[in-house]
Amino acid sequence: MSLVAMHLAAEDFNPLIPKAPELIIGLICFFVVFGLLGKKLLPSIEKTLAERRDMIEGGIERADAAQAEAQALLEQYRADLAEARHEAARIVEQSREQGAALITEMREEGQRQREAIIAAGHAQIEADKKQATAALRQDVGSLASQLASRIVGESLEDHARQSGVIDRFLDELEAKAAANAAVAK
């Protein structure tokens, strides 16, 4: 091959500009492949994208619904907790009032029992005092009559007369003791 022929052959062959039949075949193949991809692959891609979009949007909606439900449960929990605290405070206050009433009642009962015991003690003391006074009067009367009998030399055995004299003497002594006590005050 001559240099000129190679040069002409090189001019005809440009890799950037394809020959017309190759260009037509390439375009036909491109449109066939593009059409097949558009008919087969594009709908499944669109379906997958739509499913993902629905999942994302549904997930967001479910998350919003779950968040709203959680917020409602939280508010319900707070309301129940506030109600429980209020109920607990009411029960504590009621218990405190019952305790105060019970303490007051027990104090009153204790006061009544104390007064009853004191009254019974005073009554017992008064009864013992009367009994002791009566016994003492008899003993003093008996001793006084024996002493008077020894001094006088006669028997003072008349019991009625003896009791009258002794009672009158002891009443005079009690009156003098009461007068002395009143003067001392």
N, C-alpha and C. Protein backbone atom coordinates (compact mmCIF):
# COMPACT_ATOMS: atom_id res chain seq x y z
N MET A 1 0.82 -1.14 0.00
CA MET A 1 0.00 0.00 0.00
C MET A 1 0.87 1.22 0.00
N SER A 2 0.40 2.01 -0.67
CA SER A 2 1.18 3.21 -0.82
C SER A 2 0.80 4.20 0.26
N LEU A 3 1.59 5.11 0.33
CA LEU A 3 1.40 6.11 1.33
C LEU A 3 0.15 6.91 1.03
N VAL A 4 -0.13 7.13 -0.10
CA VAL A 4 -1.30 7.92 -0.48
C VAL A 4 -2.54 7.09 -0.16
N ALA A 5 -2.51 5.83 -0.44
CA ALA A 5 -3.70 5.01 -0.19
C ALA A 5 -3.96 4.93 1.31
N MET A 6 -2.92 4.90 2.06
CA MET A 6 -3.11 4.83 3.49
C MET A 6 -3.65 6.16 4.01
N HIS A 7 -3.18 7.15 3.39
CA HIS A 7 -3.64 8.45 3.82
C HIS A 7 -5.11 8.60 3.48
N LEU A 8 -5.54 8.14 2.35
CA LEU A 8 -6.94 8.20 1.96
C LEU A 8 -7.76 7.27 2.84
N ALA A 9 -7.24 6.13 3.13
CA ALA A 9 -7.96 5.19 3.97
C ALA A 9 -8.08 5.76 5.39
N ALA A 10 -7.07 6.46 5.82
CA ALA A 10 -7.09 7.04 7.15
C ALA A 10 -8.09 8.18 7.20
N GLU A 11 -8.22 8.89 6.10
CA GLU A 11 -9.18 9.98 6.09
C GLU A 11 -10.58 9.43 6.14
N ASP A 12 -10.87 8.33 5.50
CA ASP A 12 -12.21 7.78 5.52
C ASP A 12 -12.55 7.21 6.91
N PHE A 13 -11.61 6.75 7.56
CA PHE A 13 -11.89 6.13 8.85
C PHE A 13 -11.64 7.13 9.97
N ASN A 14 -12.73 7.65 10.58
CA ASN A 14 -12.66 8.55 11.72
C ASN A 14 -13.45 7.86 12.84
N PRO A 15 -12.81 7.54 13.91
CA PRO A 15 -13.50 6.81 14.95
C PRO A 15 -14.58 7.66 15.64
N LEU A 16 -14.50 8.95 15.54
CA LEU A 16 -15.49 9.80 16.18
C LEU A 16 -16.76 9.92 15.33
N ILE A 17 -16.64 9.78 14.08
CA ILE A 17 -17.80 9.86 13.21
C ILE A 17 -18.00 8.46 12.65
N PRO A 18 -19.07 7.76 13.10
CA PRO A 18 -19.27 6.41 12.60
C PRO A 18 -19.85 6.43 11.20
N LYS A 19 -19.76 5.32 10.56
CA LYS A 19 -20.30 5.21 9.21
C LYS A 19 -21.81 5.13 9.33
N ALA A 20 -22.50 5.51 8.30
CA ALA A 20 -23.95 5.60 8.31
C ALA A 20 -24.61 4.27 8.64
N PRO A 21 -24.27 3.14 8.02
CA PRO A 21 -24.95 1.90 8.37
C PRO A 21 -24.73 1.53 9.84
N GLU A 22 -23.56 1.77 10.39
CA GLU A 22 -23.30 1.47 11.80
C GLU A 22 -24.14 2.37 12.69
N LEU A 23 -24.27 3.62 12.26
CA LEU A 23 -25.05 4.57 13.04
C LEU A 23 -26.51 4.14 13.05
N ILE A 24 -27.06 3.73 11.97
CA ILE A 24 -28.45 3.31 11.89
C ILE A 24 -28.66 2.05 12.73
N ILE A 25 -27.82 1.07 12.61
CA ILE A 25 -27.93 -0.17 13.38
C ILE A 25 -27.79 0.13 14.88
N GLY A 26 -26.88 1.01 15.21
CA GLY A 26 -26.68 1.38 16.61
C GLY A 26 -27.91 2.07 17.18
N LEU A 27 -28.50 2.97 16.36
CA LEU A 27 -29.70 3.66 16.83
C LEU A 27 -30.87 2.70 16.98
N ILE A 28 -31.04 1.78 16.02
CA ILE A 28 -32.12 0.80 16.11
C ILE A 28 -31.94 -0.06 17.36
N CYS A 29 -30.75 -0.53 17.60
CA CYS A 29 -30.47 -1.35 18.79
C CYS A 29 -30.72 -0.55 20.07
N PHE A 30 -30.30 0.72 20.04
CA PHE A 30 -30.50 1.56 21.21
C PHE A 30 -31.98 1.69 21.52
N PHE A 31 -32.82 2.00 20.48
CA PHE A 31 -34.25 2.17 20.71
C PHE A 31 -34.91 0.86 21.10
N VAL A 32 -34.45 -0.28 20.56
CA VAL A 32 -35.01 -1.58 20.94
C VAL A 32 -34.70 -1.84 22.42
N VAL A 33 -33.45 -1.65 22.80
CA VAL A 33 -33.07 -1.88 24.20
C VAL A 33 -33.80 -0.88 25.10
N PHE A 34 -33.89 0.39 24.65
CA PHE A 34 -34.58 1.40 25.43
C PHE A 34 -36.06 1.04 25.58
N GLY A 35 -36.67 0.57 24.52
CA GLY A 35 -38.08 0.16 24.56
C GLY A 35 -38.29 -1.03 25.47
N LEU A 36 -37.41 -2.04 25.38
CA LEU A 36 -37.53 -3.20 26.26
C LEU A 36 -37.34 -2.80 27.73
N LEU A 37 -36.36 -1.97 27.97
CA LEU A 37 -36.15 -1.52 29.34
C LEU A 37 -37.34 -0.69 29.83
N GLY A 38 -37.87 0.14 28.96
CA GLY A 38 -39.03 0.96 29.32
C GLY A 38 -40.25 0.11 29.60
N LYS A 39 -40.45 -0.98 28.81
CA LYS A 39 -41.62 -1.84 28.99
C LYS A 39 -41.46 -2.79 30.16
N LYS A 40 -40.30 -3.34 30.37
CA LYS A 40 -40.10 -4.36 31.39
C LYS A 40 -39.52 -3.79 32.70
N LEU A 41 -38.46 -3.10 32.62
CA LEU A 41 -37.73 -2.68 33.81
C LEU A 41 -38.34 -1.44 34.47
N LEU A 42 -38.75 -0.48 33.67
CA LEU A 42 -39.26 0.78 34.21
C LEU A 42 -40.51 0.57 35.07
N PRO A 43 -41.51 -0.26 34.70
CA PRO A 43 -42.65 -0.45 35.61
C PRO A 43 -42.25 -1.09 36.94
N SER A 44 -41.35 -2.05 36.92
CA SER A 44 -40.95 -2.67 38.20
C SER A 44 -40.17 -1.68 39.05
N ILE A 45 -39.37 -0.82 38.41
CA ILE A 45 -38.65 0.21 39.17
C ILE A 45 -39.64 1.20 39.78
N GLU A 46 -40.63 1.61 38.98
CA GLU A 46 -41.64 2.53 39.48
C GLU A 46 -42.45 1.87 40.61
N LYS A 47 -42.75 0.59 40.46
CA LYS A 47 -43.50 -0.13 41.49
C LYS A 47 -42.69 -0.19 42.79
N THR A 48 -41.42 -0.51 42.69
CA THR A 48 -40.54 -0.57 43.86
C THR A 48 -40.43 0.79 44.53
N LEU A 49 -40.27 1.84 43.73
CA LEU A 49 -40.18 3.20 44.28
C LEU A 49 -41.48 3.60 44.96
N ALA A 50 -42.63 3.21 44.34
CA ALA A 50 -43.93 3.52 44.94
C ALA A 50 -44.09 2.77 46.27
N GLU A 51 -43.66 1.50 46.30
CA GLU A 51 -43.75 0.74 47.54
C GLU A 51 -42.88 1.37 48.63
N ARG A 52 -41.69 1.79 48.26
CA ARG A 52 -40.81 2.43 49.23
C ARG A 52 -41.40 3.75 49.72
N ARG A 53 -41.97 4.51 48.79
CA ARG A 53 -42.60 5.78 49.16
C ARG A 53 -43.75 5.51 50.13
N ASP A 54 -44.57 4.49 49.81
CA ASP A 54 -45.69 4.15 50.69
C ASP A 54 -45.19 3.68 52.06
N MET A 55 -44.14 2.87 52.05
CA MET A 55 -43.59 2.39 53.32
C MET A 55 -43.06 3.57 54.14
N ILE A 56 -42.37 4.48 53.48
CA ILE A 56 -41.82 5.62 54.20
C ILE A 56 -42.95 6.50 54.73
N GLU A 57 -43.90 6.83 53.84
CA GLU A 57 -45.02 7.66 54.26
C GLU A 57 -45.87 6.94 55.30
N GLY A 58 -46.11 5.64 55.11
CA GLY A 58 -46.87 4.85 56.09
C GLY A 58 -46.12 4.75 57.40
N GLY A 59 -44.83 4.60 57.33
CA GLY A 59 -44.02 4.55 58.55
C GLY A 59 -44.08 5.86 59.31
N ILE A 60 -44.05 6.95 58.54
CA ILE A 60 -44.15 8.26 59.19
C ILE A 60 -45.53 8.42 59.83
N GLU A 61 -46.57 8.01 59.08
CA GLU A 61 -47.92 8.10 59.63
C GLU A 61 -48.07 7.20 60.85
N ARG A 62 -47.54 5.97 60.77
CA ARG A 62 -47.61 5.07 61.93
C ARG A 62 -46.82 5.63 63.11
N ALA A 63 -45.68 6.22 62.80
CA ALA A 63 -44.88 6.82 63.87
C ALA A 63 -45.61 8.00 64.50
N ASP A 64 -46.26 8.82 63.66
CA ASP A 64 -47.05 9.93 64.19
C ASP A 64 -48.21 9.42 65.03
N ALA A 65 -48.88 8.36 64.54
CA ALA A 65 -49.99 7.78 65.29
C ALA A 65 -49.50 7.19 66.61
N ALA A 66 -48.38 6.49 66.56
CA ALA A 66 -47.82 5.91 67.79
C ALA A 66 -47.40 7.00 68.76
N GLN A 67 -46.83 8.08 68.23
CA GLN A 67 -46.43 9.19 69.09
C GLN A 67 -47.66 9.85 69.71
N ALA A 68 -48.72 10.03 68.92
CA ALA A 68 -49.94 10.61 69.45
C ALA A 68 -50.54 9.71 70.53
N GLU A 69 -50.53 8.40 70.28
CA GLU A 69 -51.05 7.45 71.26
C GLU A 69 -50.20 7.46 72.53
N ALA A 70 -48.88 7.53 72.35
CA ALA A 70 -47.98 7.59 73.51
C ALA A 70 -48.21 8.87 74.30
N GLN A 71 -48.43 9.98 73.59
CA GLN A 71 -48.71 11.25 74.27
C GLN A 71 -50.02 11.17 75.04
N ALA A 72 -51.04 10.55 74.43
CA ALA A 72 -52.33 10.39 75.11
C ALA A 72 -52.17 9.50 76.35
N LEU A 73 -51.40 8.43 76.22
CA LEU A 73 -51.16 7.55 77.37
C LEU A 73 -50.39 8.30 78.46
N LEU A 74 -49.44 9.13 78.06
CA LEU A 74 -48.67 9.90 79.03
C LEU A 74 -49.58 10.87 79.77
N GLU A 75 -50.45 11.55 79.05
CA GLU A 75 -51.39 12.47 79.68
C GLU A 75 -52.33 11.71 80.62
N GLN A 76 -52.80 10.55 80.19
CA GLN A 76 -53.67 9.72 81.04
C GLN A 76 -52.92 9.28 82.29
N TYR A 77 -51.66 8.88 82.11
CA TYR A 77 -50.84 8.46 83.24
C TYR A 77 -50.65 9.63 84.21
N ARG A 78 -50.35 10.81 83.68
CA ARG A 78 -50.17 11.98 84.55
C ARG A 78 -51.46 12.31 85.29
N ALA A 79 -52.60 12.23 84.58
CA ALA A 79 -53.88 12.50 85.23
C ALA A 79 -54.16 11.47 86.32
N ASP A 80 -53.89 10.19 86.03
CA ASP A 80 -54.09 9.14 87.03
C ASP A 80 -53.17 9.34 88.22
N LEU A 81 -51.93 9.73 87.93
CA LEU A 81 -50.96 9.96 89.00
C LEU A 81 -51.39 11.14 89.87
N ALA A 82 -51.86 12.21 89.24
CA ALA A 82 -52.33 13.37 90.01
C ALA A 82 -53.54 12.98 90.85
N GLU A 83 -54.44 12.18 90.27
CA GLU A 83 -55.62 11.74 91.01
C GLU A 83 -55.20 10.84 92.18
N ALA A 84 -54.23 9.96 91.95
CA ALA A 84 -53.75 9.08 93.02
C ALA A 84 -53.10 9.89 94.13
N ARG A 85 -52.33 10.92 93.76
CA ARG A 85 -51.71 11.77 94.79
C ARG A 85 -52.78 12.52 95.59
N HIS A 86 -53.79 13.00 94.88
CA HIS A 86 -54.89 13.70 95.56
C HIS A 86 -55.61 12.74 96.51
N GLU A 87 -55.87 11.54 96.04
CA GLU A 87 -56.54 10.53 96.87
C GLU A 87 -55.68 10.17 98.08
N ALA A 88 -54.37 10.04 97.86
CA ALA A 88 -53.46 9.72 98.97
C ALA A 88 -53.46 10.86 99.99
N ALA A 89 -53.43 12.10 99.51
CA ALA A 89 -53.47 13.24 100.43
C ALA A 89 -54.78 13.27 101.20
N ARG A 90 -55.89 12.94 100.53
CA ARG A 90 -57.18 12.92 101.19
C ARG A 90 -57.21 11.83 102.27
N ILE A 91 -56.67 10.66 101.94
CA ILE A 91 -56.65 9.55 102.90
C ILE A 91 -55.76 9.91 104.10
N VAL A 92 -54.61 10.53 103.82
CA VAL A 92 -53.72 10.93 104.91
C VAL A 92 -54.42 11.95 105.82
N GLU A 93 -55.08 12.93 105.20
CA GLU A 93 -55.78 13.94 105.99
C GLU A 93 -56.91 13.31 106.80
N GLN A 94 -57.65 12.39 106.17
CA GLN A 94 -58.74 11.70 106.87
C GLN A 94 -58.18 10.88 108.04
N SER A 95 -57.06 10.21 107.80
CA SER A 95 -56.43 9.42 108.87
C SER A 95 -55.95 10.33 109.99
N ARG A 96 -55.41 11.47 109.62
CA ARG A 96 -54.93 12.42 110.62
C ARG A 96 -56.12 12.92 111.47
N GLU A 97 -57.23 13.22 110.80
CA GLU A 97 -58.41 13.66 111.53
C GLU A 97 -58.95 12.55 112.43
N GLN A 98 -58.99 11.32 111.90
CA GLN A 98 -59.46 10.20 112.72
C GLN A 98 -58.54 9.97 113.91
N GLY A 99 -57.23 10.11 113.67
CA GLY A 99 -56.27 9.94 114.75
C GLY A 99 -56.46 11.01 115.83
N ALA A 100 -56.66 12.25 115.37
CA ALA A 100 -56.89 13.34 116.34
C ALA A 100 -58.18 13.10 117.11
N ALA A 101 -59.23 12.65 116.41
CA ALA A 101 -60.50 12.37 117.09
C ALA A 101 -60.33 11.22 118.08
N LEU A 102 -59.58 10.20 117.67
CA LEU A 102 -59.35 9.06 118.55
C LEU A 102 -58.54 9.47 119.77
N ILE A 103 -57.54 10.33 119.56
CA ILE A 103 -56.74 10.80 120.69
C ILE A 103 -57.61 11.62 121.64
N THR A 104 -58.45 12.48 121.07
CA THR A 104 -59.34 13.29 121.91
C THR A 104 -60.30 12.39 122.69
N GLU A 105 -60.85 11.41 122.00
CA GLU A 105 -61.78 10.48 122.65
C GLU A 105 -61.08 9.71 123.77
N MET A 106 -59.85 9.25 123.49
CA MET A 106 -59.11 8.50 124.51
C MET A 106 -58.76 9.40 125.70
N ARG A 107 -58.41 10.66 125.41
CA ARG A 107 -58.12 11.59 126.51
C ARG A 107 -59.36 11.81 127.37
N GLU A 108 -60.50 11.99 126.70
CA GLU A 108 -61.75 12.19 127.45
C GLU A 108 -62.07 10.96 128.27
N GLU A 109 -61.91 9.78 127.68
CA GLU A 109 -62.16 8.53 128.41
C GLU A 109 -61.20 8.40 129.58
N GLY A 110 -59.94 8.74 129.35
CA GLY A 110 -58.95 8.70 130.43
C GLY A 110 -59.29 9.68 131.53
N GLN A 111 -59.75 10.88 131.11
CA GLN A 111 -60.16 11.89 132.09
C GLN A 111 -61.35 11.38 132.91
N ARG A 112 -62.33 10.77 132.22
CA ARG A 112 -63.49 10.23 132.94
C ARG A 112 -63.06 9.13 133.91
N GLN A 113 -62.18 8.24 133.44
CA GLN A 113 -61.73 7.16 134.32
C GLN A 113 -60.95 7.73 135.51
N ARG A 114 -60.10 8.74 135.21
CA ARG A 114 -59.33 9.36 136.29
C ARG A 114 -60.26 9.98 137.32
N GLU A 115 -61.27 10.70 136.83
CA GLU A 115 -62.22 11.34 137.75
C GLU A 115 -63.00 10.28 138.52
N ALA A 116 -63.36 9.18 137.86
CA ALA A 116 -64.09 8.10 138.54
C ALA A 116 -63.20 7.47 139.60
N ILE A 117 -61.93 7.26 139.28
CA ILE A 117 -61.00 6.67 140.26
C ILE A 117 -60.79 7.62 141.42
N ILE A 118 -60.64 8.92 141.11
CA ILE A 118 -60.44 9.91 142.18
C ILE A 118 -61.68 9.97 143.06
N ALA A 119 -62.86 9.97 142.40
CA ALA A 119 -64.10 10.02 143.18
C ALA A 119 -64.24 8.77 144.05
N ALA A 120 -63.91 7.60 143.47
CA ALA A 120 -63.98 6.37 144.25
C ALA A 120 -62.97 6.41 145.40
N GLY A 121 -61.78 6.97 145.11
CA GLY A 121 -60.77 7.09 146.17
C GLY A 121 -61.23 8.02 147.28
N HIS A 122 -61.82 9.17 146.87
CA HIS A 122 -62.33 10.10 147.89
C HIS A 122 -63.45 9.46 148.70
N ALA A 123 -64.33 8.74 148.00
CA ALA A 123 -65.43 8.06 148.71
C ALA A 123 -64.88 7.02 149.67
N GLN A 124 -63.86 6.28 149.23
CA GLN A 124 -63.25 5.26 150.09
C GLN A 124 -62.56 5.92 151.28
N ILE A 125 -61.85 7.04 150.98
CA ILE A 125 -61.17 7.75 152.07
C ILE A 125 -62.19 8.28 153.07
N GLU A 126 -63.29 8.83 152.55
CA GLU A 126 -64.34 9.36 153.42
C GLU A 126 -64.95 8.24 154.26
N ALA A 127 -65.21 7.09 153.62
CA ALA A 127 -65.78 5.96 154.35
C ALA A 127 -64.80 5.46 155.41
N ASP A 128 -63.50 5.36 155.01
CA ASP A 128 -62.48 4.94 155.98
C ASP A 128 -62.36 5.94 157.11
N LYS A 129 -62.47 7.23 156.75
CA LYS A 129 -62.37 8.28 157.76
C LYS A 129 -63.53 8.18 158.75
N LYS A 130 -64.74 7.97 158.21
CA LYS A 130 -65.90 7.83 159.08
C LYS A 130 -65.79 6.60 159.96
N GLN A 131 -65.31 5.50 159.34
CA GLN A 131 -65.15 4.26 160.10
C GLN A 131 -64.08 4.44 161.18
N ALA A 132 -62.97 5.10 160.78
CA ALA A 132 -61.89 5.33 161.76
C ALA A 132 -62.37 6.27 162.86
N THR A 133 -63.16 7.29 162.46
CA THR A 133 -63.67 8.24 163.45
C THR A 133 -64.60 7.53 164.42
N ALA A 134 -65.47 6.68 163.87
CA ALA A 134 -66.40 5.94 164.73
C ALA A 134 -65.64 5.01 165.67
N ALA A 135 -64.65 4.31 165.12
CA ALA A 135 -63.86 3.39 165.96
C ALA A 135 -63.07 4.17 167.00
N LEU A 136 -62.53 5.31 166.56
CA LEU A 136 -61.74 6.14 167.47
C LEU A 136 -62.62 6.71 168.57
N ARG A 137 -63.83 7.12 168.19
CA ARG A 137 -64.76 7.64 169.21
C ARG A 137 -65.07 6.57 170.25
N GLN A 138 -65.28 5.34 169.77
CA GLN A 138 -65.59 4.27 170.72
C GLN A 138 -64.39 4.02 171.63
N ASP A 139 -63.21 3.95 170.99
CA ASP A 139 -62.01 3.66 171.79
C ASP A 139 -61.72 4.81 172.76
N VAL A 140 -61.83 6.06 172.24
CA VAL A 140 -61.57 7.22 173.12
C VAL A 140 -62.63 7.28 174.21
N GLY A 141 -63.88 7.00 173.83
CA GLY A 141 -64.96 7.01 174.82
C GLY A 141 -64.74 5.95 175.89
N SER A 142 -64.34 4.79 175.44
CA SER A 142 -64.11 3.70 176.38
C SER A 142 -62.94 4.03 177.29
N LEU A 143 -61.86 4.54 176.70
CA LEU A 143 -60.69 4.91 177.51
C LEU A 143 -61.01 6.07 178.46
N ALA A 144 -61.79 7.03 177.92
CA ALA A 144 -62.14 8.19 178.75
C ALA A 144 -63.02 7.76 179.93
N SER A 145 -63.98 6.86 179.69
CA SER A 145 -64.85 6.42 180.79
C SER A 145 -64.07 5.59 181.79
N GLN A 146 -63.13 4.78 181.33
CA GLN A 146 -62.30 4.00 182.26
C GLN A 146 -61.44 4.95 183.10
N LEU A 147 -60.89 5.98 182.40
CA LEU A 147 -60.05 6.95 183.10
C LEU A 147 -60.89 7.75 184.10
N ALA A 148 -62.07 8.15 183.66
CA ALA A 148 -62.95 8.91 184.56
C ALA A 148 -63.39 8.03 185.73
N SER A 149 -63.64 6.77 185.47
CA SER A 149 -64.02 5.86 186.55
C SER A 149 -62.90 5.74 187.56
N ARG A 150 -61.71 5.67 187.09
CA ARG A 150 -60.57 5.55 188.01
C ARG A 150 -60.37 6.84 188.81
N ILE A 151 -60.59 7.97 188.11
CA ILE A 151 -60.39 9.24 188.80
C ILE A 151 -61.52 9.47 189.82
N VAL A 152 -62.74 9.24 189.39
CA VAL A 152 -63.89 9.50 190.26
C VAL A 152 -64.01 8.40 191.30
N GLY A 153 -63.69 7.24 190.91
CA GLY A 153 -63.78 6.12 191.82
C GLY A 153 -65.12 5.43 191.71
N GLU A 154 -65.93 5.82 190.80
CA GLU A 154 -67.22 5.18 190.58
C GLU A 154 -67.22 4.57 189.20
N SER A 155 -68.11 3.69 189.03
CA SER A 155 -68.26 3.07 187.73
C SER A 155 -69.21 3.90 186.89
N LEU A 156 -68.75 4.23 185.70
CA LEU A 156 -69.59 4.97 184.76
C LEU A 156 -70.01 3.99 183.66
N GLU A 157 -70.75 3.03 184.06
CA GLU A 157 -71.08 1.98 183.12
C GLU A 157 -72.35 2.25 182.33
N ASP A 158 -73.07 3.29 182.62
CA ASP A 158 -74.28 3.58 181.86
C ASP A 158 -73.86 4.01 180.47
N HIS A 159 -74.13 3.15 179.56
CA HIS A 159 -73.63 3.32 178.18
C HIS A 159 -74.25 4.51 177.46
N ALA A 160 -75.52 4.74 177.59
CA ALA A 160 -76.20 5.84 176.90
C ALA A 160 -75.66 7.18 177.41
N ARG A 161 -75.54 7.31 178.68
CA ARG A 161 -75.03 8.55 179.25
C ARG A 161 -73.58 8.75 178.88
N GLN A 162 -72.84 7.69 178.92
CA GLN A 162 -71.42 7.73 178.58
C GLN A 162 -71.24 8.17 177.13
N SER A 163 -72.01 7.63 176.19
CA SER A 163 -71.89 7.99 174.77
C SER A 163 -72.26 9.44 174.54
N GLY A 164 -73.27 9.93 175.21
CA GLY A 164 -73.67 11.33 175.06
C GLY A 164 -72.58 12.27 175.50
N VAL A 165 -71.98 12.01 176.64
CA VAL A 165 -70.93 12.86 177.18
C VAL A 165 -69.73 12.86 176.24
N ILE A 166 -69.37 11.68 175.79
CA ILE A 166 -68.19 11.56 174.92
C ILE A 166 -68.44 12.26 173.60
N ASP A 167 -69.61 12.06 173.03
CA ASP A 167 -69.91 12.69 171.73
C ASP A 167 -69.91 14.21 171.87
N ARG A 168 -70.48 14.73 172.93
CA ARG A 168 -70.50 16.17 173.14
C ARG A 168 -69.09 16.70 173.29
N PHE A 169 -68.23 16.01 174.03
CA PHE A 169 -66.85 16.42 174.23
C PHE A 169 -66.08 16.42 172.91
N LEU A 170 -66.25 15.35 172.12
CA LEU A 170 -65.53 15.27 170.84
C LEU A 170 -66.04 16.31 169.84
N ASP A 171 -67.33 16.60 169.85
CA ASP A 171 -67.88 17.64 168.96
C ASP A 171 -67.29 18.99 169.32
N GLU A 172 -67.13 19.27 170.62
CA GLU A 172 -66.51 20.53 171.03
C GLU A 172 -65.07 20.60 170.56
N LEU A 173 -64.35 19.49 170.64
CA LEU A 173 -62.95 19.46 170.17
C LEU A 173 -62.87 19.72 168.66
N GLU A 174 -63.79 19.12 167.91
CA GLU A 174 -63.79 19.31 166.45
C GLU A 174 -64.11 20.75 166.10
N ALA A 175 -65.03 21.37 166.80
CA ALA A 175 -65.40 22.76 166.55
C ALA A 175 -64.21 23.67 166.84
N LYS A 176 -63.48 23.41 167.92
CA LYS A 176 -62.30 24.21 168.26
C LYS A 176 -61.22 24.04 167.18
N ALA A 177 -61.04 22.81 166.70
CA ALA A 177 -60.02 22.56 165.67
C ALA A 177 -60.39 23.26 164.36
N ALA A 178 -61.67 23.28 164.02
CA ALA A 178 -62.12 23.96 162.79
C ALA A 178 -61.93 25.46 162.93
N ALA A 179 -62.22 26.02 164.12
CA ALA A 179 -62.06 27.47 164.34
C ALA A 179 -60.59 27.83 164.27
N ASN A 180 -59.71 27.04 164.85
CA ASN A 180 -58.28 27.30 164.79
C ASN A 180 -57.76 27.23 163.35
N ALA A 181 -58.28 26.29 162.56
CA ALA A 181 -57.87 26.15 161.15
C ALA A 181 -58.32 27.35 160.33
N ALA A 182 -59.52 27.88 160.63
CA ALA A 182 -60.05 29.04 159.90
C ALA A 182 -59.23 30.28 160.25
N VAL A 183 -58.80 30.41 161.48
CA VAL A 183 -58.00 31.57 161.91
C VAL A 183 -56.61 31.48 161.26
N ALA A 184 -56.09 30.29 161.11
CA ALA A 184 -54.74 30.10 160.56
C ALA A 184 -54.69 30.48 159.10
N LYS A 185 -55.77 30.37 158.40
CA LYS A 185 -55.80 30.72 156.97
C LYS A 185 -55.86 32.20 156.85
